[in-house]
Amino acid sequence: MRKLLTVITETALEHILIDEIEALGAKGYTITDARGKGSRGTRNAGWETNGNIRLEIVCDDEVANAITTFLQEKYYDNYAMIIFTSDVTVLRQDKFI
């Protein structure tokens, strides 16, 4: 069983996060723009720096735990960030070796 790790956070972190998640074992990722409202207010993406991204990574438990722990410790106190995981079934297993 694979994990889908989803991180919703500030656009300003995008390039930093890519380097960090790859260093922690992520083999690939998908990033999309995200809008919504949470404890830090509305994120409407009206300005590039006011936007959010949705970063999705399919990986094994070990990598998901490493990334989650790292991001929580480094960013939770000072940035808008939500992380959640779910079990997923991947149909093209050869893409995630």
PDB file of N, CA and C in Angstrom:
ATOM      1  N   MET A   1       0.845  -1.180   0.000  1.00  0.00           N
ATOM      2  CA  MET A   1       0.000   0.000   0.000  1.00  0.00           C
ATOM      3  C   MET A   1       0.886   1.237   0.000  1.00  0.00           C
ATOM      4  N   ARG A   2       0.543   2.178  -0.830  1.00  0.00           N
ATOM      5  CA  ARG A   2       1.251   3.453  -0.912  1.00  0.00           C
ATOM      6  C   ARG A   2       0.481   4.518  -0.147  1.00  0.00           C
ATOM      7  N   LYS A   3       1.173   5.582   0.159  1.00  0.00           N
ATOM      8  CA  LYS A   3       0.567   6.729   0.818  1.00  0.00           C
ATOM      9  C   LYS A   3       0.487   7.881  -0.168  1.00  0.00           C
ATOM     10  N   LEU A   4      -0.586   8.634  -0.094  1.00  0.00           N
ATOM     11  CA  LEU A   4      -0.678   9.915  -0.771  1.00  0.00           C
ATOM     12  C   LEU A   4      -0.486  10.961   0.306  1.00  0.00           C
ATOM     13  N   LEU A   5       0.609  11.686   0.204  1.00  0.00           N
ATOM     14  CA  LEU A   5       0.916  12.755   1.146  1.00  0.00           C
ATOM     15  C   LEU A   5       0.527  14.065   0.475  1.00  0.00           C
ATOM     16  N   THR A   6      -0.353  14.811   1.108  1.00  0.00           N
ATOM     17  CA  THR A   6      -0.824  16.078   0.559  1.00  0.00           C
ATOM     18  C   THR A   6      -0.408  17.205   1.492  1.00  0.00           C
ATOM     19  N   VAL A   7       0.243  18.200   0.911  1.00  0.00           N
ATOM     20  CA  VAL A   7       0.700  19.365   1.676  1.00  0.00           C
ATOM     21  C   VAL A   7       0.085  20.597   1.026  1.00  0.00           C
ATOM     22  N   ILE A   8      -0.662  21.359   1.786  1.00  0.00           N
ATOM     23  CA  ILE A   8      -1.199  22.628   1.298  1.00  0.00           C
ATOM     24  C   ILE A   8      -0.495  23.719   2.075  1.00  0.00           C
ATOM     25  N   THR A   9       0.169  24.595   1.335  1.00  0.00           N
ATOM     26  CA  THR A   9       0.982  25.609   2.002  1.00  0.00           C
ATOM     27  C   THR A   9       1.170  26.827   1.112  1.00  0.00           C
ATOM     28  N   GLU A  10       1.963  27.754   1.576  1.00  0.00           N
ATOM     29  CA  GLU A  10       2.184  29.021   0.895  1.00  0.00           C
ATOM     30  C   GLU A  10       3.048  28.854  -0.357  1.00  0.00           C
ATOM     31  N   THR A  11       2.676  29.550  -1.409  1.00  0.00           N
ATOM     32  CA  THR A  11       3.416  29.503  -2.671  1.00  0.00           C
ATOM     33  C   THR A  11       4.891  29.855  -2.487  1.00  0.00           C
ATOM     34  N   ALA A  12       5.181  30.742  -1.577  1.00  0.00           N
ATOM     35  CA  ALA A  12       6.560  31.186  -1.354  1.00  0.00           C
ATOM     36  C   ALA A  12       7.495  30.037  -0.988  1.00  0.00           C
ATOM     37  N   LEU A  13       6.945  28.935  -0.487  1.00  0.00           N
ATOM     38  CA  LEU A  13       7.775  27.797  -0.073  1.00  0.00           C
ATOM     39  C   LEU A  13       8.030  26.788  -1.189  1.00  0.00           C
ATOM     40  N   GLU A  14       7.406  26.953  -2.332  1.00  0.00           N
ATOM     41  CA  GLU A  14       7.421  25.911  -3.369  1.00  0.00           C
ATOM     42  C   GLU A  14       8.824  25.404  -3.716  1.00  0.00           C
ATOM     43  N   HIS A  15       9.719  26.288  -4.072  1.00  0.00           N
ATOM     44  CA  HIS A  15      11.036  25.835  -4.540  1.00  0.00           C
ATOM     45  C   HIS A  15      11.871  25.227  -3.412  1.00  0.00           C
ATOM     46  N   ILE A  16      11.713  25.739  -2.223  1.00  0.00           N
ATOM     47  CA  ILE A  16      12.436  25.182  -1.078  1.00  0.00           C
ATOM     48  C   ILE A  16      11.920  23.775  -0.781  1.00  0.00           C
ATOM     49  N   LEU A  17      10.597  23.622  -0.798  1.00  0.00           N
ATOM     50  CA  LEU A  17      10.003  22.318  -0.468  1.00  0.00           C
ATOM     51  C   LEU A  17      10.401  21.242  -1.467  1.00  0.00           C
ATOM     52  N   ILE A  18      10.490  21.604  -2.725  1.00  0.00           N
ATOM     53  CA  ILE A  18      10.859  20.609  -3.741  1.00  0.00           C
ATOM     54  C   ILE A  18      12.225  20.003  -3.418  1.00  0.00           C
ATOM     55  N   ASP A  19      13.193  20.847  -3.132  1.00  0.00           N
ATOM     56  CA  ASP A  19      14.529  20.340  -2.787  1.00  0.00           C
ATOM     57  C   ASP A  19      14.482  19.476  -1.528  1.00  0.00           C
ATOM     58  N   GLU A  20      13.721  19.921  -0.545  1.00  0.00           N
ATOM     59  CA  GLU A  20      13.682  19.198   0.731  1.00  0.00           C
ATOM     60  C   GLU A  20      12.982  17.843   0.608  1.00  0.00           C
ATOM     61  N   ILE A  21      11.860  17.790  -0.091  1.00  0.00           N
ATOM     62  CA  ILE A  21      11.158  16.501  -0.178  1.00  0.00           C
ATOM     63  C   ILE A  21      11.950  15.497  -1.021  1.00  0.00           C
ATOM     64  N   GLU A  22      12.658  15.993  -2.037  1.00  0.00           N
ATOM     65  CA  GLU A  22      13.489  15.071  -2.820  1.00  0.00           C
ATOM     66  C   GLU A  22      14.639  14.544  -1.978  1.00  0.00           C
ATOM     67  N   ALA A  23      15.218  15.388  -1.149  1.00  0.00           N
ATOM     68  CA  ALA A  23      16.302  14.949  -0.264  1.00  0.00           C
ATOM     69  C   ALA A  23      15.799  13.925   0.756  1.00  0.00           C
ATOM     70  N   LEU A  24      14.501  13.984   1.081  1.00  0.00           N
ATOM     71  CA  LEU A  24      13.919  13.052   2.053  1.00  0.00           C
ATOM     72  C   LEU A  24      13.387  11.771   1.398  1.00  0.00           C
ATOM     73  N   GLY A  25      13.527  11.644   0.068  1.00  0.00           N
ATOM     74  CA  GLY A  25      13.175  10.391  -0.585  1.00  0.00           C
ATOM     75  C   GLY A  25      12.036  10.417  -1.572  1.00  0.00           C
ATOM     76  N   ALA A  26      11.391  11.562  -1.770  1.00  0.00           N
ATOM     77  CA  ALA A  26      10.304  11.623  -2.748  1.00  0.00           C
ATOM     78  C   ALA A  26      10.866  11.444  -4.155  1.00  0.00           C
ATOM     79  N   LYS A  27      10.263  10.558  -4.937  1.00  0.00           N
ATOM     80  CA  LYS A  27      10.725  10.292  -6.306  1.00  0.00           C
ATOM     81  C   LYS A  27      10.021  11.198  -7.320  1.00  0.00           C
ATOM     82  N   GLY A  28       8.914  11.797  -6.923  1.00  0.00           N
ATOM     83  CA  GLY A  28       8.162  12.679  -7.796  1.00  0.00           C
ATOM     84  C   GLY A  28       7.096  13.396  -6.999  1.00  0.00           C
ATOM     85  N   TYR A  29       6.432  14.323  -7.642  1.00  0.00           N
ATOM     86  CA  TYR A  29       5.412  15.109  -6.960  1.00  0.00           C
ATOM     87  C   TYR A  29       4.545  15.816  -7.992  1.00  0.00           C
ATOM     88  N   THR A  30       3.403  16.309  -7.539  1.00  0.00           N
ATOM     89  CA  THR A  30       2.532  17.140  -8.359  1.00  0.00           C
ATOM     90  C   THR A  30       2.213  18.390  -7.562  1.00  0.00           C
ATOM     91  N   ILE A  31       2.306  19.539  -8.220  1.00  0.00           N
ATOM     92  CA  ILE A  31       1.973  20.809  -7.560  1.00  0.00           C
ATOM     93  C   ILE A  31       0.879  21.493  -8.365  1.00  0.00           C
ATOM     94  N   THR A  32      -0.163  21.927  -7.653  1.00  0.00           N
ATOM     95  CA  THR A  32      -1.234  22.713  -8.269  1.00  0.00           C
ATOM     96  C   THR A  32      -1.498  23.941  -7.405  1.00  0.00           C
ATOM     97  N   ASP A  33      -2.084  24.956  -8.000  1.00  0.00           N
ATOM     98  CA  ASP A  33      -2.491  26.129  -7.238  1.00  0.00           C
ATOM     99  C   ASP A  33      -3.673  25.745  -6.358  1.00  0.00           C
ATOM    100  N   ALA A  34      -3.749  26.371  -5.190  1.00  0.00           N
ATOM    101  CA  ALA A  34      -4.835  26.068  -4.258  1.00  0.00           C
ATOM    102  C   ALA A  34      -5.385  27.371  -3.686  1.00  0.00           C
ATOM    103  N   ARG A  35      -6.679  27.417  -3.493  1.00  0.00           N
ATOM    104  CA  ARG A  35      -7.324  28.561  -2.862  1.00  0.00           C
ATOM    105  C   ARG A  35      -8.251  28.047  -1.781  1.00  0.00           C
ATOM    106  N   GLY A  36      -8.495  28.907  -0.785  1.00  0.00           N
ATOM    107  CA  GLY A  36      -9.400  28.490   0.268  1.00  0.00           C
ATOM    108  C   GLY A  36      -9.310  29.392   1.473  1.00  0.00           C
ATOM    109  N   LYS A  37      -9.877  28.932   2.575  1.00  0.00           N
ATOM    110  CA  LYS A  37      -9.909  29.707   3.805  1.00  0.00           C
ATOM    111  C   LYS A  37      -9.574  28.798   4.956  1.00  0.00           C
ATOM    112  N   GLY A  38      -8.785  29.319   5.885  1.00  0.00           N
ATOM    113  CA  GLY A  38      -8.408  28.556   7.059  1.00  0.00           C
ATOM    114  C   GLY A  38      -8.126  29.477   8.219  1.00  0.00           C
ATOM    115  N   SER A  39      -7.392  28.977   9.186  1.00  0.00           N
ATOM    116  CA  SER A  39      -7.113  29.745  10.400  1.00  0.00           C
ATOM    117  C   SER A  39      -6.278  30.993  10.135  1.00  0.00           C
ATOM    118  N   ARG A  40      -5.582  31.041   9.038  1.00  0.00           N
ATOM    119  CA  ARG A  40      -4.781  32.223   8.704  1.00  0.00           C
ATOM    120  C   ARG A  40      -5.474  33.102   7.664  1.00  0.00           C
ATOM    121  N   GLY A  41      -6.780  32.933   7.498  1.00  0.00           N
ATOM    122  CA  GLY A  41      -7.555  33.782   6.608  1.00  0.00           C
ATOM    123  C   GLY A  41      -7.757  33.179   5.241  1.00  0.00           C
ATOM    124  N   THR A  42      -8.249  34.015   4.340  1.00  0.00           N
ATOM    125  CA  THR A  42      -8.542  33.598   2.973  1.00  0.00           C
ATOM    126  C   THR A  42      -7.289  33.686   2.138  1.00  0.00           C
ATOM    127  N   ARG A  43      -7.015  32.664   1.374  1.00  0.00           N
ATOM    128  CA  ARG A  43      -5.887  32.625   0.438  1.00  0.00           C
ATOM    129  C   ARG A  43      -6.498  32.579  -0.950  1.00  0.00           C
ATOM    130  N   ASN A  44      -6.577  33.772  -1.584  1.00  0.00           N
ATOM    131  CA  ASN A  44      -7.281  33.828  -2.859  1.00  0.00           C
ATOM    132  C   ASN A  44      -6.376  33.866  -4.074  1.00  0.00           C
ATOM    133  N   ALA A  45      -5.074  33.902  -3.870  1.00  0.00           N
ATOM    134  CA  ALA A  45      -4.109  33.897  -4.967  1.00  0.00           C
ATOM    135  C   ALA A  45      -4.186  35.139  -5.828  1.00  0.00           C
ATOM    136  N   GLY A  46      -4.744  36.241  -5.296  1.00  0.00           N
ATOM    137  CA  GLY A  46      -4.790  37.485  -6.031  1.00  0.00           C
ATOM    138  C   GLY A  46      -3.404  38.036  -6.328  1.00  0.00           C
ATOM    139  N   TRP A  47      -2.481  37.793  -5.433  1.00  0.00           N
ATOM    140  CA  TRP A  47      -1.082  38.141  -5.632  1.00  0.00           C
ATOM    141  C   TRP A  47      -0.301  36.838  -5.622  1.00  0.00           C
ATOM    142  N   GLU A  48       0.740  36.807  -6.399  1.00  0.00           N
ATOM    143  CA  GLU A  48       1.515  35.562  -6.468  1.00  0.00           C
ATOM    144  C   GLU A  48       1.987  35.107  -5.089  1.00  0.00           C
ATOM    145  N   THR A  49       2.404  36.066  -4.266  1.00  0.00           N
ATOM    146  CA  THR A  49       2.911  35.697  -2.947  1.00  0.00           C
ATOM    147  C   THR A  49       1.795  35.395  -1.958  1.00  0.00           C
ATOM    148  N   ASN A  50       0.547  35.649  -2.324  1.00  0.00           N
ATOM    149  CA  ASN A  50      -0.590  35.391  -1.449  1.00  0.00           C
ATOM    150  C   ASN A  50      -1.261  34.061  -1.772  1.00  0.00           C
ATOM    151  N   GLY A  51      -0.704  33.330  -2.705  1.00  0.00           N
ATOM    152  CA  GLY A  51      -1.311  32.087  -3.113  1.00  0.00           C
ATOM    153  C   GLY A  51      -0.867  30.897  -2.282  1.00  0.00           C
ATOM    154  N   ASN A  52      -1.553  29.811  -2.486  1.00  0.00           N
ATOM    155  CA  ASN A  52      -1.205  28.539  -1.865  1.00  0.00           C
ATOM    156  C   ASN A  52      -0.948  27.504  -2.950  1.00  0.00           C
ATOM    157  N   ILE A  53      -0.207  26.514  -2.602  1.00  0.00           N
ATOM    158  CA  ILE A  53      -0.008  25.372  -3.484  1.00  0.00           C
ATOM    159  C   ILE A  53      -0.509  24.120  -2.792  1.00  0.00           C
ATOM    160  N   ARG A  54      -0.851  23.140  -3.618  1.00  0.00           N
ATOM    161  CA  ARG A  54      -1.200  21.807  -3.129  1.00  0.00           C
ATOM    162  C   ARG A  54      -0.131  20.878  -3.697  1.00  0.00           C
ATOM    163  N   LEU A  55       0.680  20.338  -2.827  1.00  0.00           N
ATOM    164  CA  LEU A  55       1.784  19.463  -3.193  1.00  0.00           C
ATOM    165  C   LEU A  55       1.388  18.036  -2.852  1.00  0.00           C
ATOM    166  N   GLU A  56       1.389  17.164  -3.854  1.00  0.00           N
ATOM    167  CA  GLU A  56       0.988  15.772  -3.640  1.00  0.00           C
ATOM    168  C   GLU A  56       2.140  14.844  -3.990  1.00  0.00           C
ATOM    169  N   ILE A  57       2.366  13.882  -3.117  1.00  0.00           N
ATOM    170  CA  ILE A  57       3.457  12.937  -3.285  1.00  0.00           C
ATOM    171  C   ILE A  57       2.919  11.536  -3.021  1.00  0.00           C
ATOM    172  N   VAL A  58       3.137  10.616  -3.937  1.00  0.00           N
ATOM    173  CA  VAL A  58       2.824   9.209  -3.699  1.00  0.00           C
ATOM    174  C   VAL A  58       4.128   8.533  -3.312  1.00  0.00           C
ATOM    175  N   CYS A  59       4.128   7.880  -2.159  1.00  0.00           N
ATOM    176  CA  CYS A  59       5.373   7.302  -1.645  1.00  0.00           C
ATOM    177  C   CYS A  59       5.054   6.184  -0.650  1.00  0.00           C
ATOM    178  N   ASP A  60       6.100   5.573  -0.109  1.00  0.00           N
ATOM    179  CA  ASP A  60       5.878   4.539   0.903  1.00  0.00           C
ATOM    180  C   ASP A  60       5.743   5.187   2.291  1.00  0.00           C
ATOM    181  N   ASP A  61       5.408   4.375   3.285  1.00  0.00           N
ATOM    182  CA  ASP A  61       5.194   4.880   4.646  1.00  0.00           C
ATOM    183  C   ASP A  61       6.422   5.602   5.193  1.00  0.00           C
ATOM    184  N   GLU A  62       7.586   5.021   4.957  1.00  0.00           N
ATOM    185  CA  GLU A  62       8.819   5.574   5.520  1.00  0.00           C
ATOM    186  C   GLU A  62       9.080   6.990   5.008  1.00  0.00           C
ATOM    187  N   VAL A  63       8.941   7.185   3.717  1.00  0.00           N
ATOM    188  CA  VAL A  63       9.169   8.513   3.123  1.00  0.00           C
ATOM    189  C   VAL A  63       8.073   9.483   3.590  1.00  0.00           C
ATOM    190  N   ALA A  64       6.833   9.026   3.624  1.00  0.00           N
ATOM    191  CA  ALA A  64       5.735   9.894   4.083  1.00  0.00           C
ATOM    192  C   ALA A  64       5.979  10.355   5.514  1.00  0.00           C
ATOM    193  N   ASN A  65       6.411   9.455   6.377  1.00  0.00           N
ATOM    194  CA  ASN A  65       6.685   9.831   7.770  1.00  0.00           C
ATOM    195  C   ASN A  65       7.865  10.791   7.873  1.00  0.00           C
ATOM    196  N   ALA A  66       8.916  10.560   7.091  1.00  0.00           N
ATOM    197  CA  ALA A  66      10.086  11.441   7.121  1.00  0.00           C
ATOM    198  C   ALA A  66       9.727  12.848   6.672  1.00  0.00           C
ATOM    199  N   ILE A  67       8.969  12.952   5.583  1.00  0.00           N
ATOM    200  CA  ILE A  67       8.586  14.268   5.070  1.00  0.00           C
ATOM    201  C   ILE A  67       7.649  14.972   6.047  1.00  0.00           C
ATOM    202  N   THR A  68       6.658  14.243   6.548  1.00  0.00           N
ATOM    203  CA  THR A  68       5.696  14.838   7.483  1.00  0.00           C
ATOM    204  C   THR A  68       6.384  15.375   8.736  1.00  0.00           C
ATOM    205  N   THR A  69       7.235  14.571   9.327  1.00  0.00           N
ATOM    206  CA  THR A  69       7.940  14.993  10.544  1.00  0.00           C
ATOM    207  C   THR A  69       8.804  16.222  10.277  1.00  0.00           C
ATOM    208  N   PHE A  70       9.549  16.197   9.187  1.00  0.00           N
ATOM    209  CA  PHE A  70      10.428  17.315   8.843  1.00  0.00           C
ATOM    210  C   PHE A  70       9.633  18.603   8.629  1.00  0.00           C
ATOM    211  N   LEU A  71       8.575  18.534   7.837  1.00  0.00           N
ATOM    212  CA  LEU A  71       7.805  19.736   7.533  1.00  0.00           C
ATOM    213  C   LEU A  71       7.109  20.290   8.777  1.00  0.00           C
ATOM    214  N   GLN A  72       6.595  19.419   9.609  1.00  0.00           N
ATOM    215  CA  GLN A  72       5.951  19.888  10.843  1.00  0.00           C
ATOM    216  C   GLN A  72       6.948  20.629  11.723  1.00  0.00           C
ATOM    217  N   GLU A  73       8.117  20.054  11.894  1.00  0.00           N
ATOM    218  CA  GLU A  73       9.123  20.670  12.768  1.00  0.00           C
ATOM    219  C   GLU A  73       9.648  21.983  12.202  1.00  0.00           C
ATOM    220  N   LYS A  74       9.804  22.064  10.893  1.00  0.00           N
ATOM    221  CA  LYS A  74      10.432  23.243  10.289  1.00  0.00           C
ATOM    222  C   LYS A  74       9.443  24.369   9.986  1.00  0.00           C
ATOM    223  N   TYR A  75       8.193  24.039   9.620  1.00  0.00           N
ATOM    224  CA  TYR A  75       7.307  25.077   9.089  1.00  0.00           C
ATOM    225  C   TYR A  75       6.039  25.350   9.883  1.00  0.00           C
ATOM    226  N   TYR A  76       5.563  24.425  10.670  1.00  0.00           N
ATOM    227  CA  TYR A  76       4.248  24.597  11.290  1.00  0.00           C
ATOM    228  C   TYR A  76       4.123  25.866  12.129  1.00  0.00           C
ATOM    229  N   ASP A  77       5.167  26.266  12.822  1.00  0.00           N
ATOM    230  CA  ASP A  77       5.054  27.421  13.716  1.00  0.00           C
ATOM    231  C   ASP A  77       4.935  28.748  12.975  1.00  0.00           C
ATOM    232  N   ASN A  78       5.482  28.849  11.768  1.00  0.00           N
ATOM    233  CA  ASN A  78       5.575  30.155  11.113  1.00  0.00           C
ATOM    234  C   ASN A  78       4.933  30.259   9.735  1.00  0.00           C
ATOM    235  N   TYR A  79       4.369  29.197   9.232  1.00  0.00           N
ATOM    236  CA  TYR A  79       3.776  29.228   7.893  1.00  0.00           C
ATOM    237  C   TYR A  79       2.409  28.565   7.908  1.00  0.00           C
ATOM    238  N   ALA A  80       1.573  28.997   6.963  1.00  0.00           N
ATOM    239  CA  ALA A  80       0.295  28.321   6.764  1.00  0.00           C
ATOM    240  C   ALA A  80       0.599  26.984   6.084  1.00  0.00           C
ATOM    241  N   MET A  81       0.309  25.897   6.745  1.00  0.00           N
ATOM    242  CA  MET A  81       0.610  24.571   6.181  1.00  0.00           C
ATOM    243  C   MET A  81      -0.307  23.531   6.795  1.00  0.00           C
ATOM    244  N   ILE A  82      -0.882  22.720   5.940  1.00  0.00           N
ATOM    245  CA  ILE A  82      -1.673  21.565   6.364  1.00  0.00           C
ATOM    246  C   ILE A  82      -1.060  20.345   5.686  1.00  0.00           C
ATOM    247  N   ILE A  83      -0.950  19.267   6.420  1.00  0.00           N
ATOM    248  CA  ILE A  83      -0.451  18.020   5.853  1.00  0.00           C
ATOM    249  C   ILE A  83      -1.446  16.920   6.193  1.00  0.00           C
ATOM    250  N   PHE A  84      -1.806  16.127   5.212  1.00  0.00           N
ATOM    251  CA  PHE A  84      -2.608  14.936   5.503  1.00  0.00           C
ATOM    252  C   PHE A  84      -2.183  13.793   4.591  1.00  0.00           C
ATOM    253  N   THR A  85      -2.398  12.593   5.068  1.00  0.00           N
ATOM    254  CA  THR A  85      -2.026  11.402   4.306  1.00  0.00           C
ATOM    255  C   THR A  85      -3.238  10.498   4.159  1.00  0.00           C
ATOM    256  N   SER A  86      -3.193   9.701   3.134  1.00  0.00           N
ATOM    257  CA  SER A  86      -4.226   8.683   2.944  1.00  0.00           C
ATOM    258  C   SER A  86      -3.602   7.488   2.238  1.00  0.00           C
ATOM    259  N   ASP A  87      -4.185   6.336   2.454  1.00  0.00           N
ATOM    260  CA  ASP A  87      -3.746   5.133   1.752  1.00  0.00           C
ATOM    261  C   ASP A  87      -4.275   5.193   0.325  1.00  0.00           C
ATOM    262  N   VAL A  88      -3.451   4.835  -0.635  1.00  0.00           N
ATOM    263  CA  VAL A  88      -3.879   4.827  -2.031  1.00  0.00           C
ATOM    264  C   VAL A  88      -3.432   3.536  -2.708  1.00  0.00           C
ATOM    265  N   THR A  89      -4.176   3.142  -3.698  1.00  0.00           N
ATOM    266  CA  THR A  89      -3.808   2.034  -4.552  1.00  0.00           C
ATOM    267  C   THR A  89      -3.325   2.616  -5.871  1.00  0.00           C
ATOM    268  N   VAL A  90      -2.112   2.291  -6.237  1.00  0.00           N
ATOM    269  CA  VAL A  90      -1.525   2.817  -7.462  1.00  0.00           C
ATOM    270  C   VAL A  90      -1.655   1.761  -8.554  1.00  0.00           C
ATOM    271  N   LEU A  91      -2.222   2.149  -9.683  1.00  0.00           N
ATOM    272  CA  LEU A  91      -2.446   1.188 -10.762  1.00  0.00           C
ATOM    273  C   LEU A  91      -1.185   0.956 -11.592  1.00  0.00           C
ATOM    274  N   ARG A  92      -0.333   1.946 -11.692  1.00  0.00           N
ATOM    275  CA  ARG A  92       0.910   1.790 -12.445  1.00  0.00           C
ATOM    276  C   ARG A  92       2.075   1.694 -11.457  1.00  0.00           C
ATOM    277  N   GLN A  93       2.211   0.554 -10.808  1.00  0.00           N
ATOM    278  CA  GLN A  93       3.217   0.358  -9.764  1.00  0.00           C
ATOM    279  C   GLN A  93       4.633   0.640 -10.250  1.00  0.00           C
ATOM    280  N   ASP A  94       4.909   0.388 -11.525  1.00  0.00           N
ATOM    281  CA  ASP A  94       6.262   0.587 -12.035  1.00  0.00           C
ATOM    282  C   ASP A  94       6.685   2.051 -12.007  1.00  0.00           C
ATOM    283  N   LYS A  95       5.748   2.975 -11.883  1.00  0.00           N
ATOM    284  CA  LYS A  95       6.064   4.399 -11.819  1.00  0.00           C
ATOM    285  C   LYS A  95       6.542   4.827 -10.438  1.00  0.00           C
ATOM    286  N   PHE A  96       6.423   3.964  -9.443  1.00  0.00           N
ATOM    287  CA  PHE A  96       6.722   4.350  -8.063  1.00  0.00           C
ATOM    288  C   PHE A  96       7.740   3.434  -7.405  1.00  0.00           C
ATOM    289  N   ILE A  97       8.638   2.882  -8.177  1.00  0.00           N
ATOM    290  CA  ILE A  97       9.680   2.008  -7.624  1.00  0.00           C
ATOM    291  C   ILE A  97      10.819   2.845  -7.116  1.00  0.00           C
TER     292      ILE A  97
END
